[in-house]
Protein backbone atom coordinates (compact mmCIF):
# COMPACT_ATOMS: atom_id res chain seq x y z
CA MET A 1 35.32 -45.51 17.16
CA ASP A 2 31.97 -46.53 15.73
CA ILE A 3 30.21 -43.79 17.72
CA LEU A 4 32.71 -41.19 16.50
CA ALA A 5 32.12 -42.19 12.88
CA ALA A 6 28.35 -42.01 13.38
CA LEU A 7 28.66 -38.54 14.90
CA LYS A 8 30.81 -37.33 12.01
CA GLN A 9 28.30 -38.72 9.53
CA GLU A 10 25.43 -37.01 11.37
CA GLU A 11 27.39 -33.74 11.45
CA ALA A 12 27.97 -33.93 7.70
CA LYS A 13 24.27 -34.58 7.11
CA LEU A 14 23.24 -31.62 9.27
CA GLN A 15 25.82 -29.38 7.60
CA LYS A 16 24.37 -30.29 4.21
CA GLN A 17 20.85 -29.42 5.44
CA ALA A 18 22.11 -26.12 6.88
CA ASP A 19 23.72 -25.22 3.56
CA LYS A 20 20.48 -25.99 1.73
CA VAL A 21 18.47 -23.81 4.14
CA ARG A 22 21.00 -20.96 3.77
CA GLN A 23 20.67 -21.19 0.00
CA GLN A 24 16.86 -21.05 0.22
CA LEU A 25 17.04 -18.09 2.60
CA ASN A 26 19.33 -16.23 0.21
CA ALA A 27 16.89 -16.91 -2.64
CA VAL A 28 13.99 -15.51 -0.59
CA ARG A 29 16.01 -12.41 0.35
CA ALA A 30 16.93 -11.85 -3.29
CA ALA A 31 13.28 -12.12 -4.32
CA ARG A 32 12.26 -9.59 -1.65
CA LYS A 33 14.95 -7.21 -2.83
CA ILE A 34 13.82 -7.53 -6.44
CA LEU A 35 10.23 -6.80 -5.45
CA GLY A 36 11.32 -3.61 -3.69
CA ARG A 37 10.29 -4.66 -0.19
CA GLU A 38 13.81 -4.56 1.23
CA VAL A 39 14.59 -1.65 3.53
CA ALA A 40 18.12 -0.36 3.94
CA GLY A 41 19.69 0.18 7.34
CA GLY A 42 18.86 3.90 7.34
CA GLY A 43 15.15 3.19 6.84
CA LYS A 44 15.21 4.06 3.15
CA ARG A 45 13.51 1.73 0.69
CA ILE A 46 15.56 -0.08 -1.91
CA GLY A 47 13.95 -0.47 -5.30
CA ARG A 48 10.73 1.25 -6.25
CA LYS A 49 9.98 4.59 -4.64
CA LYS A 50 6.69 5.31 -2.92
CA ARG A 51 4.35 7.34 -5.12
CA VAL A 52 3.27 10.70 -3.74
CA MET A 53 0.01 12.37 -4.68
CA SER A 54 -0.24 16.15 -4.70
CA SER A 55 -2.81 17.86 -2.50
CA ALA A 56 -4.64 19.13 -5.60
CA ALA A 57 -4.92 15.60 -7.00
CA ARG A 58 -6.05 14.31 -3.61
CA ALA A 59 -8.77 17.00 -3.44
CA LYS A 60 -9.89 16.21 -7.00
CA ASN A 61 -10.17 12.49 -6.17
CA GLY A 62 -12.07 13.25 -2.98
CA LYS A 63 -14.54 15.45 -4.83
CA ALA A 64 -15.11 12.81 -7.53
CA THR A 65 -15.64 10.12 -4.87
CA LYS A 66 -18.22 12.25 -3.06
CA GLU A 67 -20.04 12.83 -6.35
CA ARG A 68 -20.10 9.09 -7.10
CA TRP A 69 -21.51 8.28 -3.66
CA ALA A 70 -24.11 11.05 -3.95
CA LYS A 71 -25.20 9.64 -7.31
CA LEU A 72 -25.45 6.14 -5.81
CA ARG A 73 -27.49 7.36 -2.84
CA ALA A 74 -29.83 9.32 -5.12
CA ALA A 75 -30.41 6.25 -7.29
CA LYS A 76 -31.05 4.14 -4.20
CA ALA A 77 -33.51 6.68 -2.81
CA LYS A 78 -35.49 6.60 -6.08
CA GLY A 79 -35.61 2.83 -5.93
CA LYS A 80 -33.75 2.21 -9.15
CA ARG A 81 -31.31 -0.11 -7.51
């Protein structure tokens, strides 16, 4: 009977630990959902939507980036940097 009581006590202890881990896991899942990282079963995002840039805006950004790099290279070639 002593062994049976010890096993029951150990089972209760492990059940308490399992409940604590489940609670922590639920908290982590809730945090992920709040941050918008959760993905629904159909592959659609839950929370914030992905931002989409138009092709005109993308071209404008690309042009500006090329101009910045050209300016940097010109300054480097003159030895100002």
